[in-house]
Amino acid sequence: MFILNQRKAFSCLLISSLFLVLFTSCEKENTDTTNDEIESAISTADLLKLKNLGFEANTAELTNFVLPDGTTESRYLVEGDIALPESYLKSFDVQEEITGEQYSTFNLVTAIRTINVIGISEGRFALPRNSVEGLRRAIDNYNRLGLDIRFTLDFGFNGYQNFDMVVYYNPDERDSRGRLISGGVAGFPSRAGRPNQLIRIYGIGTSSADTNEHVITHEMGHSVGLRHTDWFSRSSCANGQSEGTAGVGAEFIPGTARREDPGSIMNACFGAGVTGEFNRNDITALNFLY
């Protein structure tokens, strides 16, 4: 989840005339929610399963995930911008921490080769103009690589449930304190090999097309199985810390950097002036996986 934060040293989406307005990509601000309150909402068994699957379970929370038609459903929010439905967790039967699995065994898109994407263009959750352009550019980012998966793009609302990926905009996304926030949230592919379907962005409608491209490309990356490039340190964030070291979802991709990569579009946080384009290591990773 990308959150407006004027105290951090990494800005993401806007520059004000007086000072740099700072954003963190995929990182939440601290709230008044305590670990005890989180644990009261999420069972101990589910927290353990999240941990064993390689997620930062101690920051997990149960949220009401807003859908494109305005209804909500309960999802687990982990690592800031990954929203996991209960069915995702139930698809795994893990009692001990997984350390030897390859990430590509069940967290990549294998069931389909053409991913049909719809950008919501009607109603309250319609994409603003710069978000529409950002989505077009994000689709181009992936298609120009000649991967084994390819994306189509339509705009509309009716029948969005039948699309493989749905990108929409919430103009009133707020944190637990009621403050407007900016960024995006997605999920990982299902164990059955289908891409994450819902990508929600918010608070960036007046930001540049490049910023929208960056956010949407990043969230699409999660939706086809990419984790944060700096998951092990979150070095791109002002208060960086590891997201967890389990092998599932954190397996090294051959040919990419084994160290911090400041130019990666999949870093947890990013700075102002982003172009929304993949760097060399991003391209290497996608070509290895697809």
Foldseek 3Di string as FASTA:
>chain_A
DKWWDQVWDFAFFDQDPPGRGRIWFLDDDDDPDDLVNQCVQPPPVLLQLCQLLFFLSSPKHWDFDADPVGHTDIFIDTSRFATHRPVQSVVDDDDHRAAPDAQLQQFAADPDQEFEEEQECDDQFHAAPLLVLLVVVLLVQVQVLVASHHYDYYYHPPPLVPGLAYETEHALDADPVRHATFAKHWHIEGSVRGFTHYIYGYDRNVTHSQSSNLRVNLRSCRRRQAAAPVQCWLVVIRPTHHRGDGNHSDPDQPPADPDDDLLASRRRGHHPPGRSHGDPRVSSRRRSSD
